[in-house]
Amino acid sequence: MLDFATYLETDSVDPRYNLAYEEYMLCHRKAENVLILWQNDNTIVVGQNQITATEINRSYVEKHHIHVVRRTTGGGAVYHDLGNLNYSFITTQNHLERMTFAQFTEPIINALEALGIHAEATGRNDIVISGHKVSGTAQRVQGNRILHHGTLLFRTDKRVAEKALCTDPNKFRGKRSNSVRSRIGNISDFLDQEMTLQAFWDHLKKFLGGNGFTRSEPTVEELAGIARLKKEKYDRWEWNFGKSPKFEFQQKKYWDGGILDVRLNVENGFLKDLHFYGDFLSTKPVSEVSAQLIGIPYKRQACEARFELLDIPAYFGTISKKEILQTMFE
């Protein structure tokens, strides 16, 4: 089991502050194993590689004053409210090739088992109970530091989640349920006895603490850095929504590893602009791949040769090099 020496709480339900807090701790607390438990109020959190406008029901979101913010990890858009609890693990992994989702989801599954709930990891990044998704997870790598975070739907409003999100119906291909509301579940529904979210929070904190940890508070310097990051990044429309430029070529394909949407412009036979969108589970910014490809000939062989120099799983999760090329050229 992961051994966390430091425990933090954001003391906020502002999603922009909380994501700034999490990112700052990932980038600046470089020696500790950190656990953060936190909540966002009434928020859609969009994956790093998604087009925000296609993921939200804008009229519903605006009418109900739902926050929309982008995170720095891959995966799909999710709805947070005060019936949901988020957890963040930050630790060191010197052998990134050995990193798996299982080593981070296992402690959560064990914590649920301690409450008499049988849960299991399934799909790319989900934790389910009796076929209902109660947690989605994602990861980011920063040097040799890893952020693994996830949701824990304890008593979330599934009706609002369904209305606020515009989920691509192809995400449900091969799944028995074909809506957000019917597919997700609340942990509280599977408990034998009534439990408050605060009691669940306390249980998780105690269980994940293992041999015990120290409650830490941010320093004055850290708080200033968090506030600055929030203002310069998470408060900005450019980060949360961004622009959706027109492209000469656009193709979306649905792979086992997630949705991959490629958009590109070609000038005189060379790649001039290139963007990858989707809910694939990247741990590094996929913009780094685009930067490596822009300026080379728009030919399959040229792109394939460049891919050989890149750590494809870090950028596209389990979507393969062959599948990326198929999306770009077929």
C-alpha atoms as a PDB file:
ATOM      1  CA  MET A   1       0.000   0.000   0.000  1.00  0.00           C
ATOM      2  CA  LEU A   2       1.160   3.530  -0.724  1.00  0.00           C
ATOM      3  CA  ASP A   3       2.572   5.238   2.350  1.00  0.00           C
ATOM      4  CA  PHE A   4       1.552   8.890   2.592  1.00  0.00           C
ATOM      5  CA  ALA A   5       3.543  11.012   5.009  1.00  0.00           C
ATOM      6  CA  THR A   6       1.746  14.303   4.362  1.00  0.00           C
ATOM      7  CA  TYR A   7      -1.969  15.069   4.351  1.00  0.00           C
ATOM      8  CA  LEU A   8      -3.443  18.267   2.939  1.00  0.00           C
ATOM      9  CA  GLU A   9      -6.871  19.810   2.541  1.00  0.00           C
ATOM     10  CA  THR A  10      -7.537  22.790   0.299  1.00  0.00           C
ATOM     11  CA  ASP A  11     -10.148  24.307   2.651  1.00  0.00           C
ATOM     12  CA  SER A  12     -12.017  25.496  -0.434  1.00  0.00           C
ATOM     13  CA  VAL A  13     -14.767  24.323  -2.799  1.00  0.00           C
ATOM     14  CA  ASP A  14     -13.659  26.696  -5.587  1.00  0.00           C
ATOM     15  CA  PRO A  15     -12.568  24.440  -8.478  1.00  0.00           C
ATOM     16  CA  ARG A  16     -10.119  26.946  -9.928  1.00  0.00           C
ATOM     17  CA  TYR A  17      -8.377  27.358  -6.595  1.00  0.00           C
ATOM     18  CA  ASN A  18      -8.374  23.618  -5.913  1.00  0.00           C
ATOM     19  CA  LEU A  19      -6.812  22.687  -9.241  1.00  0.00           C
ATOM     20  CA  ALA A  20      -4.205  25.414  -8.806  1.00  0.00           C
ATOM     21  CA  TYR A  21      -3.513  24.063  -5.291  1.00  0.00           C
ATOM     22  CA  GLU A  22      -3.085  20.516  -6.586  1.00  0.00           C
ATOM     23  CA  GLU A  23      -0.805  21.521  -9.459  1.00  0.00           C
ATOM     24  CA  TYR A  24       1.320  23.740  -7.244  1.00  0.00           C
ATOM     25  CA  MET A  25       1.871  20.929  -4.753  1.00  0.00           C
ATOM     26  CA  LEU A  26       2.800  18.524  -7.567  1.00  0.00           C
ATOM     27  CA  CYS A  27       5.401  20.924  -8.951  1.00  0.00           C
ATOM     28  CA  HIS A  28       6.848  22.254  -5.686  1.00  0.00           C
ATOM     29  CA  ARG A  29       6.630  19.588  -2.985  1.00  0.00           C
ATOM     30  CA  LYS A  30       9.163  17.267  -4.503  1.00  0.00           C
ATOM     31  CA  ALA A  31      10.225  14.996  -1.649  1.00  0.00           C
ATOM     32  CA  GLU A  32       6.999  13.989   0.094  1.00  0.00           C
ATOM     33  CA  ASN A  33       4.276  11.439  -0.523  1.00  0.00           C
ATOM     34  CA  VAL A  34       1.187  13.623  -0.415  1.00  0.00           C
ATOM     35  CA  LEU A  35      -2.520  12.865  -0.021  1.00  0.00           C
ATOM     36  CA  ILE A  36      -5.066  15.634  -0.683  1.00  0.00           C
ATOM     37  CA  LEU A  37      -8.811  15.262  -0.074  1.00  0.00           C
ATOM     38  CA  TRP A  38     -10.960  18.025  -1.524  1.00  0.00           C
ATOM     39  CA  GLN A  39     -14.317  19.002  -3.018  1.00  0.00           C
ATOM     40  CA  ASN A  40     -15.593  21.222  -5.810  1.00  0.00           C
ATOM     41  CA  ASP A  41     -18.997  22.838  -5.721  1.00  0.00           C
ATOM     42  CA  ASN A  42     -21.223  22.429  -8.801  1.00  0.00           C
ATOM     43  CA  THR A  43     -18.507  22.059 -11.448  1.00  0.00           C
ATOM     44  CA  ILE A  44     -17.732  20.388 -14.754  1.00  0.00           C
ATOM     45  CA  VAL A  45     -14.050  19.496 -14.926  1.00  0.00           C
ATOM     46  CA  VAL A  46     -12.888  18.975 -18.509  1.00  0.00           C
ATOM     47  CA  GLY A  47      -9.989  16.728 -19.496  1.00  0.00           C
ATOM     48  CA  GLN A  48      -6.760  18.323 -20.698  1.00  0.00           C
ATOM     49  CA  ASN A  49      -7.221  17.218 -24.314  1.00  0.00           C
ATOM     50  CA  GLN A  50     -10.935  17.892 -24.747  1.00  0.00           C
ATOM     51  CA  ILE A  51     -12.787  20.654 -26.605  1.00  0.00           C
ATOM     52  CA  THR A  52     -14.809  22.249 -23.819  1.00  0.00           C
ATOM     53  CA  ALA A  53     -17.660  23.495 -26.013  1.00  0.00           C
ATOM     54  CA  THR A  54     -18.494  19.953 -27.152  1.00  0.00           C
ATOM     55  CA  GLU A  55     -18.481  18.506 -23.626  1.00  0.00           C
ATOM     56  CA  ILE A  56     -20.995  20.772 -21.864  1.00  0.00           C
ATOM     57  CA  ASN A  57     -24.653  21.676 -22.200  1.00  0.00           C
ATOM     58  CA  ARG A  58     -23.900  25.386 -22.290  1.00  0.00           C
ATOM     59  CA  SER A  59     -27.447  26.680 -21.755  1.00  0.00           C
ATOM     60  CA  TYR A  60     -27.996  24.382 -18.770  1.00  0.00           C
ATOM     61  CA  VAL A  61     -24.564  25.162 -17.335  1.00  0.00           C
ATOM     62  CA  GLU A  62     -25.089  28.920 -17.582  1.00  0.00           C
ATOM     63  CA  LYS A  63     -28.659  28.788 -16.229  1.00  0.00           C
ATOM     64  CA  HIS A  64     -27.574  26.776 -13.175  1.00  0.00           C
ATOM     65  CA  HIS A  65     -24.300  28.673 -12.611  1.00  0.00           C
ATOM     66  CA  ILE A  66     -22.142  25.582 -12.987  1.00  0.00           C
ATOM     67  CA  HIS A  67     -18.387  26.234 -13.004  1.00  0.00           C
ATOM     68  CA  VAL A  68     -16.391  24.939 -15.969  1.00  0.00           C
ATOM     69  CA  VAL A  69     -12.659  24.404 -15.564  1.00  0.00           C
ATOM     70  CA  ARG A  70      -9.969  22.383 -17.342  1.00  0.00           C
ATOM     71  CA  ARG A  71      -7.573  20.088 -15.484  1.00  0.00           C
ATOM     72  CA  THR A  72      -4.026  19.095 -16.494  1.00  0.00           C
ATOM     73  CA  THR A  73      -4.731  15.360 -16.808  1.00  0.00           C
ATOM     74  CA  GLY A  74      -6.307  13.360 -19.620  1.00  0.00           C
ATOM     75  CA  GLY A  75      -9.597  11.487 -19.638  1.00  0.00           C
ATOM     76  CA  GLY A  76     -13.122  12.760 -20.012  1.00  0.00           C
ATOM     77  CA  ALA A  77     -15.275  15.524 -18.557  1.00  0.00           C
ATOM     78  CA  VAL A  78     -16.821  14.841 -15.132  1.00  0.00           C
ATOM     79  CA  TYR A  79     -19.337  16.564 -12.892  1.00  0.00           C
ATOM     80  CA  HIS A  80     -18.438  17.494  -9.306  1.00  0.00           C
ATOM     81  CA  ASP A  81     -20.747  18.630  -6.524  1.00  0.00           C
ATOM     82  CA  LEU A  82     -20.632  18.522  -2.736  1.00  0.00           C
ATOM     83  CA  GLY A  83     -21.857  14.929  -2.809  1.00  0.00           C
ATOM     84  CA  ASN A  84     -18.561  13.969  -4.461  1.00  0.00           C
ATOM     85  CA  LEU A  85     -15.150  13.682  -2.790  1.00  0.00           C
ATOM     86  CA  ASN A  86     -11.919  14.025  -4.752  1.00  0.00           C
ATOM     87  CA  TYR A  87      -8.594  12.504  -3.815  1.00  0.00           C
ATOM     88  CA  SER A  88      -5.108  13.274  -5.100  1.00  0.00           C
ATOM     89  CA  PHE A  89      -2.023  11.121  -4.604  1.00  0.00           C
ATOM     90  CA  ILE A  90       1.335  12.774  -5.309  1.00  0.00           C
ATOM     91  CA  THR A  91       4.396  10.567  -5.092  1.00  0.00           C
ATOM     92  CA  THR A  92       7.748   9.751  -6.700  1.00  0.00           C
ATOM     93  CA  GLN A  93       8.245   7.047  -9.307  1.00  0.00           C
ATOM     94  CA  ASN A  94      11.755   6.670 -10.646  1.00  0.00           C
ATOM     95  CA  HIS A  95      10.712   3.890 -13.031  1.00  0.00           C
ATOM     96  CA  LEU A  96       7.807   5.371 -14.946  1.00  0.00           C
ATOM     97  CA  GLU A  97       7.521   2.311 -17.172  1.00  0.00           C
ATOM     98  CA  ARG A  98       6.395   0.371 -14.098  1.00  0.00           C
ATOM     99  CA  MET A  99       3.652   2.830 -13.232  1.00  0.00           C
ATOM    100  CA  THR A 100       0.116   1.456 -13.386  1.00  0.00           C
ATOM    101  CA  PHE A 101      -3.325   2.730 -12.495  1.00  0.00           C
ATOM    102  CA  ALA A 102      -3.810  -0.360 -10.318  1.00  0.00           C
ATOM    103  CA  GLN A 103      -1.199   0.647  -7.752  1.00  0.00           C
ATOM    104  CA  PHE A 104      -3.224   3.808  -7.081  1.00  0.00           C
ATOM    105  CA  THR A 105      -6.758   2.435  -7.376  1.00  0.00           C
ATOM    106  CA  GLU A 106      -6.068  -0.547  -5.087  1.00  0.00           C
ATOM    107  CA  PRO A 107      -5.939   1.557  -1.864  1.00  0.00           C
ATOM    108  CA  ILE A 108      -9.309   3.116  -2.769  1.00  0.00           C
ATOM    109  CA  ILE A 109     -10.836  -0.280  -3.510  1.00  0.00           C
ATOM    110  CA  ASN A 110      -9.499  -1.600  -0.202  1.00  0.00           C
ATOM    111  CA  ALA A 111     -10.984   1.401   1.628  1.00  0.00           C
ATOM    112  CA  LEU A 112     -14.384   0.605   0.103  1.00  0.00           C
ATOM    113  CA  GLU A 113     -13.998  -3.087   0.981  1.00  0.00           C
ATOM    114  CA  ALA A 114     -13.442  -2.050   4.609  1.00  0.00           C
ATOM    115  CA  LEU A 115     -16.960  -0.587   4.483  1.00  0.00           C
ATOM    116  CA  GLY A 116     -18.372  -3.866   3.228  1.00  0.00           C
ATOM    117  CA  ILE A 117     -18.556  -2.766  -0.418  1.00  0.00           C
ATOM    118  CA  HIS A 118     -17.141  -4.945  -3.168  1.00  0.00           C
ATOM    119  CA  ALA A 119     -15.573  -2.641  -5.770  1.00  0.00           C
ATOM    120  CA  GLU A 120     -13.294  -3.356  -8.696  1.00  0.00           C
ATOM    121  CA  ALA A 121     -11.159  -1.525 -11.210  1.00  0.00           C
ATOM    122  CA  THR A 122     -12.404  -1.853 -14.762  1.00  0.00           C
ATOM    123  CA  GLY A 123     -12.082  -0.319 -18.198  1.00  0.00           C
ATOM    124  CA  ARG A 124      -9.307   2.195 -18.702  1.00  0.00           C
ATOM    125  CA  ASN A 125      -9.562   4.115 -15.450  1.00  0.00           C
ATOM    126  CA  ASP A 126     -12.802   3.399 -13.589  1.00  0.00           C
ATOM    127  CA  ILE A 127     -13.751   1.948 -10.214  1.00  0.00           C
ATOM    128  CA  VAL A 128     -17.160   0.299 -10.284  1.00  0.00           C
ATOM    129  CA  ILE A 129     -19.608  -1.228  -7.832  1.00  0.00           C
ATOM    130  CA  SER A 130     -22.090  -3.747  -9.267  1.00  0.00           C
ATOM    131  CA  GLY A 131     -21.423  -2.379 -12.736  1.00  0.00           C
ATOM    132  CA  HIS A 132     -21.932   1.258 -11.741  1.00  0.00           C
ATOM    133  CA  LYS A 133     -19.052   3.710 -12.043  1.00  0.00           C
ATOM    134  CA  VAL A 134     -18.311   5.432  -8.731  1.00  0.00           C
ATOM    135  CA  SER A 135     -14.852   6.757  -9.550  1.00  0.00           C
ATOM    136  CA  GLY A 136     -12.938   7.972 -12.580  1.00  0.00           C
ATOM    137  CA  THR A 137      -9.188   8.512 -12.365  1.00  0.00           C
ATOM    138  CA  ALA A 138      -6.403  10.209 -14.323  1.00  0.00           C
ATOM    139  CA  GLN A 139      -2.658  10.802 -14.030  1.00  0.00           C
ATOM    140  CA  ARG A 140       0.016  13.343 -14.831  1.00  0.00           C
ATOM    141  CA  VAL A 141       3.795  13.003 -14.788  1.00  0.00           C
ATOM    142  CA  GLN A 142       6.014  15.936 -13.813  1.00  0.00           C
ATOM    143  CA  GLY A 143       9.659  14.870 -13.891  1.00  0.00           C
ATOM    144  CA  ASN A 144       9.778  11.864 -11.590  1.00  0.00           C
ATOM    145  CA  ARG A 145       6.701  13.017  -9.672  1.00  0.00           C
ATOM    146  CA  ILE A 146       3.283  11.539 -10.364  1.00  0.00           C
ATOM    147  CA  LEU A 147      -0.134  12.963  -9.719  1.00  0.00           C
ATOM    148  CA  HIS A 148      -2.944  10.417  -9.611  1.00  0.00           C
ATOM    149  CA  HIS A 149      -6.352  11.841  -8.821  1.00  0.00           C
ATOM    150  CA  GLY A 150      -9.930  10.666  -8.941  1.00  0.00           C
ATOM    151  CA  THR A 151     -13.534  11.270  -8.051  1.00  0.00           C
ATOM    152  CA  LEU A 152     -15.518   9.351  -5.443  1.00  0.00           C
ATOM    153  CA  LEU A 153     -19.241   9.710  -6.101  1.00  0.00           C
ATOM    154  CA  PHE A 154     -20.698   9.391  -2.635  1.00  0.00           C
ATOM    155  CA  ARG A 155     -24.056  11.141  -2.922  1.00  0.00           C
ATOM    156  CA  THR A 156     -23.788  13.216  -6.083  1.00  0.00           C
ATOM    157  CA  ASP A 157     -26.820  14.530  -7.997  1.00  0.00           C
ATOM    158  CA  LYS A 158     -26.883  12.203 -11.006  1.00  0.00           C
ATOM    159  CA  ARG A 159     -29.741  14.130 -12.614  1.00  0.00           C
ATOM    160  CA  VAL A 160     -27.664  17.308 -12.789  1.00  0.00           C
ATOM    161  CA  ALA A 161     -24.615  15.382 -14.016  1.00  0.00           C
ATOM    162  CA  GLU A 162     -26.600  13.984 -16.932  1.00  0.00           C
ATOM    163  CA  LYS A 163     -28.096  17.330 -17.923  1.00  0.00           C
ATOM    164  CA  ALA A 164     -24.881  19.318 -17.603  1.00  0.00           C
ATOM    165  CA  LEU A 165     -22.656  16.985 -19.632  1.00  0.00           C
ATOM    166  CA  CYS A 166     -22.876  16.423 -23.388  1.00  0.00           C
ATOM    167  CA  THR A 167     -21.479  12.919 -23.559  1.00  0.00           C
ATOM    168  CA  ASP A 168     -20.539  11.503 -26.954  1.00  0.00           C
ATOM    169  CA  PRO A 169     -22.896   8.514 -27.436  1.00  0.00           C
ATOM    170  CA  ASN A 170     -20.032   6.507 -28.893  1.00  0.00           C
ATOM    171  CA  LYS A 171     -18.484   6.420 -25.407  1.00  0.00           C
ATOM    172  CA  PHE A 172     -21.191   3.914 -24.500  1.00  0.00           C
ATOM    173  CA  ARG A 173     -20.619   1.552 -27.405  1.00  0.00           C
ATOM    174  CA  GLY A 174     -20.685  -1.991 -26.081  1.00  0.00           C
ATOM    175  CA  LYS A 175     -21.931  -0.856 -22.668  1.00  0.00           C
ATOM    176  CA  ARG A 176     -25.272  -1.944 -21.262  1.00  0.00           C
ATOM    177  CA  SER A 177     -26.179   1.569 -20.103  1.00  0.00           C
ATOM    178  CA  ASN A 178     -26.368   4.412 -22.578  1.00  0.00           C
ATOM    179  CA  SER A 179     -26.675   7.459 -20.343  1.00  0.00           C
ATOM    180  CA  VAL A 180     -24.607   9.172 -17.676  1.00  0.00           C
ATOM    181  CA  ARG A 181     -27.302   8.759 -15.035  1.00  0.00           C
ATOM    182  CA  SER A 182     -27.819   5.022 -15.566  1.00  0.00           C
ATOM    183  CA  ARG A 183     -24.101   4.263 -15.784  1.00  0.00           C
ATOM    184  CA  ILE A 184     -22.812   6.069 -12.683  1.00  0.00           C
ATOM    185  CA  GLY A 185     -23.606   5.139  -9.095  1.00  0.00           C
ATOM    186  CA  ASN A 186     -23.313   6.604  -5.630  1.00  0.00           C
ATOM    187  CA  ILE A 187     -21.253   4.833  -2.990  1.00  0.00           C
ATOM    188  CA  SER A 188     -23.860   5.639  -0.334  1.00  0.00           C
ATOM    189  CA  ASP A 189     -26.415   3.483  -2.175  1.00  0.00           C
ATOM    190  CA  PHE A 190     -24.293   0.391  -1.577  1.00  0.00           C
ATOM    191  CA  LEU A 191     -23.731   0.860   2.165  1.00  0.00           C
ATOM    192  CA  ASP A 192     -25.555  -1.337   4.668  1.00  0.00           C
ATOM    193  CA  GLN A 193     -25.876   1.551   7.118  1.00  0.00           C
ATOM    194  CA  GLU A 194     -26.463   5.281   6.739  1.00  0.00           C
ATOM    195  CA  MET A 195     -23.239   7.287   6.523  1.00  0.00           C
ATOM    196  CA  THR A 196     -22.578  10.991   6.061  1.00  0.00           C
ATOM    197  CA  LEU A 197     -20.065  12.243   3.552  1.00  0.00           C
ATOM    198  CA  GLN A 198     -17.986  13.677   6.405  1.00  0.00           C
ATOM    199  CA  ALA A 199     -17.857  10.229   8.023  1.00  0.00           C
ATOM    200  CA  PHE A 200     -16.783   8.759   4.667  1.00  0.00           C
ATOM    201  CA  TRP A 201     -14.124  11.468   4.372  1.00  0.00           C
ATOM    202  CA  ASP A 202     -12.813  10.614   7.862  1.00  0.00           C
ATOM    203  CA  HIS A 203     -12.800   6.896   7.038  1.00  0.00           C
ATOM    204  CA  LEU A 204     -10.831   7.464   3.848  1.00  0.00           C
ATOM    205  CA  LYS A 205      -8.335   9.726   5.577  1.00  0.00           C
ATOM    206  CA  LYS A 206      -7.763   7.199   8.354  1.00  0.00           C
ATOM    207  CA  PHE A 207      -7.598   4.199   6.024  1.00  0.00           C
ATOM    208  CA  LEU A 208      -5.215   5.777   3.525  1.00  0.00           C
ATOM    209  CA  GLY A 209      -3.075   7.137   6.345  1.00  0.00           C
ATOM    210  CA  GLY A 210      -1.692   3.664   6.950  1.00  0.00           C
ATOM    211  CA  ASN A 211       1.124   4.131   9.448  1.00  0.00           C
ATOM    212  CA  GLY A 212      -0.023   7.677  10.115  1.00  0.00           C
ATOM    213  CA  PHE A 213       0.722  10.967   8.477  1.00  0.00           C
ATOM    214  CA  THR A 214       1.157  14.613   9.378  1.00  0.00           C
ATOM    215  CA  ARG A 215      -1.514  17.188   8.564  1.00  0.00           C
ATOM    216  CA  SER A 216       0.349  19.904   6.738  1.00  0.00           C
ATOM    217  CA  GLU A 217      -0.606  23.484   5.972  1.00  0.00           C
ATOM    218  CA  PRO A 218       0.658  25.525   3.005  1.00  0.00           C
ATOM    219  CA  THR A 219       3.268  28.138   3.793  1.00  0.00           C
ATOM    220  CA  VAL A 220       2.680  31.811   3.073  1.00  0.00           C
ATOM    221  CA  GLU A 221       4.917  31.449   0.023  1.00  0.00           C
ATOM    222  CA  GLU A 222       2.951  28.433  -1.211  1.00  0.00           C
ATOM    223  CA  LEU A 223      -0.372  30.215  -0.764  1.00  0.00           C
ATOM    224  CA  ALA A 224       0.937  33.135  -2.793  1.00  0.00           C
ATOM    225  CA  GLY A 225       2.089  30.752  -5.519  1.00  0.00           C
ATOM    226  CA  ILE A 226      -1.290  28.999  -5.588  1.00  0.00           C
ATOM    227  CA  ALA A 227      -3.119  32.327  -5.870  1.00  0.00           C
ATOM    228  CA  ARG A 228      -0.817  33.392  -8.693  1.00  0.00           C
ATOM    229  CA  LEU A 229      -1.316  30.116 -10.592  1.00  0.00           C
ATOM    230  CA  LYS A 230      -5.087  30.392 -10.184  1.00  0.00           C
ATOM    231  CA  LYS A 231      -5.106  33.927 -11.553  1.00  0.00           C
ATOM    232  CA  GLU A 232      -2.717  33.296 -14.429  1.00  0.00           C
ATOM    233  CA  LYS A 233      -4.103  29.926 -15.535  1.00  0.00           C
ATOM    234  CA  TYR A 234      -7.297  28.542 -14.021  1.00  0.00           C
ATOM    235  CA  ASP A 235      -9.207  31.832 -13.978  1.00  0.00           C
ATOM    236  CA  ARG A 236      -8.535  32.422 -17.669  1.00  0.00           C
ATOM    237  CA  TRP A 237     -11.004  31.714 -20.451  1.00  0.00           C
ATOM    238  CA  GLU A 238      -8.099  30.787 -22.712  1.00  0.00           C
ATOM    239  CA  TRP A 239      -7.269  27.819 -20.470  1.00  0.00           C
ATOM    240  CA  ASN A 240     -10.763  26.628 -19.655  1.00  0.00           C
ATOM    241  CA  PHE A 241     -12.382  27.088 -23.057  1.00  0.00           C
ATOM    242  CA  GLY A 242      -9.736  28.186 -25.527  1.00  0.00           C
ATOM    243  CA  LYS A 243     -10.315  28.728 -29.207  1.00  0.00           C
ATOM    244  CA  SER A 244     -11.535  26.114 -31.682  1.00  0.00           C
ATOM    245  CA  PRO A 245      -9.902  27.124 -34.985  1.00  0.00           C
ATOM    246  CA  LYS A 246     -11.052  25.739 -38.314  1.00  0.00           C
ATOM    247  CA  PHE A 247      -8.952  22.978 -39.855  1.00  0.00           C
ATOM    248  CA  GLU A 248      -8.637  21.621 -43.380  1.00  0.00           C
ATOM    249  CA  PHE A 249      -8.626  18.028 -42.119  1.00  0.00           C
ATOM    250  CA  GLN A 250     -10.565  16.644 -39.183  1.00  0.00           C
ATOM    251  CA  GLN A 251     -11.187  13.029 -38.245  1.00  0.00           C
ATOM    252  CA  LYS A 252     -12.454  11.370 -35.094  1.00  0.00           C
ATOM    253  CA  LYS A 253     -12.073   7.682 -34.337  1.00  0.00           C
ATOM    254  CA  TYR A 254     -13.130   5.555 -31.383  1.00  0.00           C
ATOM    255  CA  TRP A 255     -10.477   3.186 -30.081  1.00  0.00           C
ATOM    256  CA  ASP A 256     -10.396   0.918 -27.023  1.00  0.00           C
ATOM    257  CA  GLY A 257      -8.046   3.472 -25.463  1.00  0.00           C
ATOM    258  CA  GLY A 258     -10.523   6.321 -25.938  1.00  0.00           C
ATOM    259  CA  ILE A 259     -11.701   8.922 -28.432  1.00  0.00           C
ATOM    260  CA  LEU A 260      -9.030  10.441 -30.690  1.00  0.00           C
ATOM    261  CA  ASP A 261      -9.934  13.554 -32.688  1.00  0.00           C
ATOM    262  CA  VAL A 262      -7.219  14.821 -35.065  1.00  0.00           C
ATOM    263  CA  ARG A 263      -7.363  18.287 -36.630  1.00  0.00           C
ATOM    264  CA  LEU A 264      -4.641  19.621 -38.910  1.00  0.00           C
ATOM    265  CA  ASN A 265      -3.700  22.103 -41.612  1.00  0.00           C
ATOM    266  CA  VAL A 266      -1.232  21.395 -44.401  1.00  0.00           C
ATOM    267  CA  GLU A 267       0.660  24.006 -46.437  1.00  0.00           C
ATOM    268  CA  ASN A 268       2.784  23.048 -49.458  1.00  0.00           C
ATOM    269  CA  GLY A 269       2.769  19.438 -48.305  1.00  0.00           C
ATOM    270  CA  PHE A 270       4.023  20.200 -44.773  1.00  0.00           C
ATOM    271  CA  LEU A 271       2.136  20.108 -41.490  1.00  0.00           C
ATOM    272  CA  LYS A 272       1.408  23.698 -40.521  1.00  0.00           C
ATOM    273  CA  ASP A 273      -0.921  23.174 -37.570  1.00  0.00           C
ATOM    274  CA  LEU A 274      -1.884  20.026 -35.672  1.00  0.00           C
ATOM    275  CA  HIS A 275      -4.022  19.307 -32.626  1.00  0.00           C
ATOM    276  CA  PHE A 276      -5.024  16.074 -30.899  1.00  0.00           C
ATOM    277  CA  TYR A 277      -8.225  16.066 -28.855  1.00  0.00           C
ATOM    278  CA  GLY A 278     -10.032  13.321 -26.959  1.00  0.00           C
ATOM    279  CA  ASP A 279     -10.511  11.548 -23.643  1.00  0.00           C
ATOM    280  CA  PHE A 280      -7.417   9.328 -23.889  1.00  0.00           C
ATOM    281  CA  LEU A 281      -5.393   8.963 -20.704  1.00  0.00           C
ATOM    282  CA  SER A 282      -2.276  11.016 -21.306  1.00  0.00           C
ATOM    283  CA  THR A 283       0.195  11.692 -18.520  1.00  0.00           C
ATOM    284  CA  LYS A 284       2.124  14.341 -20.480  1.00  0.00           C
ATOM    285  CA  PRO A 285       0.846  17.305 -22.549  1.00  0.00           C
ATOM    286  CA  VAL A 286      -0.039  16.046 -26.025  1.00  0.00           C
ATOM    287  CA  SER A 287       0.904  19.473 -27.387  1.00  0.00           C
ATOM    288  CA  GLU A 288       4.512  18.241 -27.126  1.00  0.00           C
ATOM    289  CA  VAL A 289       3.714  15.674 -29.838  1.00  0.00           C
ATOM    290  CA  SER A 290       2.186  18.336 -32.090  1.00  0.00           C
ATOM    291  CA  ALA A 291       5.315  20.458 -31.687  1.00  0.00           C
ATOM    292  CA  GLN A 292       7.458  17.540 -32.870  1.00  0.00           C
ATOM    293  CA  LEU A 293       5.330  16.987 -35.989  1.00  0.00           C
ATOM    294  CA  ILE A 294       4.664  20.541 -37.183  1.00  0.00           C
ATOM    295  CA  GLY A 295       6.980  21.398 -40.057  1.00  0.00           C
ATOM    296  CA  ILE A 296       7.550  17.847 -41.308  1.00  0.00           C
ATOM    297  CA  PRO A 297       6.036  16.458 -44.542  1.00  0.00           C
ATOM    298  CA  TYR A 298       2.424  15.349 -44.199  1.00  0.00           C
ATOM    299  CA  LYS A 299       3.311  11.764 -45.044  1.00  0.00           C
ATOM    300  CA  ARG A 300       2.608   8.635 -43.063  1.00  0.00           C
ATOM    301  CA  GLN A 301       6.236   7.499 -43.155  1.00  0.00           C
ATOM    302  CA  ALA A 302       7.524  10.853 -41.911  1.00  0.00           C
ATOM    303  CA  CYS A 303       5.076  10.937 -39.003  1.00  0.00           C
ATOM    304  CA  GLU A 304       5.740   7.297 -38.143  1.00  0.00           C
ATOM    305  CA  ALA A 305       9.493   7.958 -38.005  1.00  0.00           C
ATOM    306  CA  ARG A 306       8.918  10.881 -35.647  1.00  0.00           C
ATOM    307  CA  PHE A 307       6.639   8.768 -33.437  1.00  0.00           C
ATOM    308  CA  GLU A 308       9.503   6.292 -32.997  1.00  0.00           C
ATOM    309  CA  LEU A 309      11.333   9.006 -31.042  1.00  0.00           C
ATOM    310  CA  LEU A 310       8.426   9.657 -28.681  1.00  0.00           C
ATOM    311  CA  ASP A 311       6.979   7.894 -25.648  1.00  0.00           C
ATOM    312  CA  ILE A 312       3.556   7.317 -27.193  1.00  0.00           C
ATOM    313  CA  PRO A 313       1.864   5.788 -24.084  1.00  0.00           C
ATOM    314  CA  ALA A 314       2.758   8.879 -22.046  1.00  0.00           C
ATOM    315  CA  TYR A 315       0.876  11.065 -24.509  1.00  0.00           C
ATOM    316  CA  PHE A 316      -1.946   8.813 -25.718  1.00  0.00           C
ATOM    317  CA  GLY A 317      -2.420   6.174 -23.012  1.00  0.00           C
ATOM    318  CA  THR A 318      -3.286   2.830 -24.627  1.00  0.00           C
ATOM    319  CA  ILE A 319      -4.036   4.280 -28.064  1.00  0.00           C
ATOM    320  CA  SER A 320      -1.293   2.795 -30.258  1.00  0.00           C
ATOM    321  CA  LYS A 321       0.984   4.398 -32.801  1.00  0.00           C
ATOM    322  CA  LYS A 322      -0.823   2.473 -35.539  1.00  0.00           C
ATOM    323  CA  GLU A 323      -4.185   3.797 -34.390  1.00  0.00           C
ATOM    324  CA  ILE A 324      -2.905   7.395 -34.296  1.00  0.00           C
ATOM    325  CA  LEU A 325      -1.604   7.068 -37.847  1.00  0.00           C
ATOM    326  CA  GLN A 326      -4.893   5.570 -38.993  1.00  0.00           C
ATOM    327  CA  THR A 327      -6.724   8.551 -37.527  1.00  0.00           C
ATOM    328  CA  MET A 328      -4.364  10.965 -39.251  1.00  0.00           C
ATOM    329  CA  PHE A 329      -4.236   9.320 -42.684  1.00  0.00           C
ATOM    330  CA  GLU A 330      -7.169   6.916 -43.269  1.00  0.00           C
END
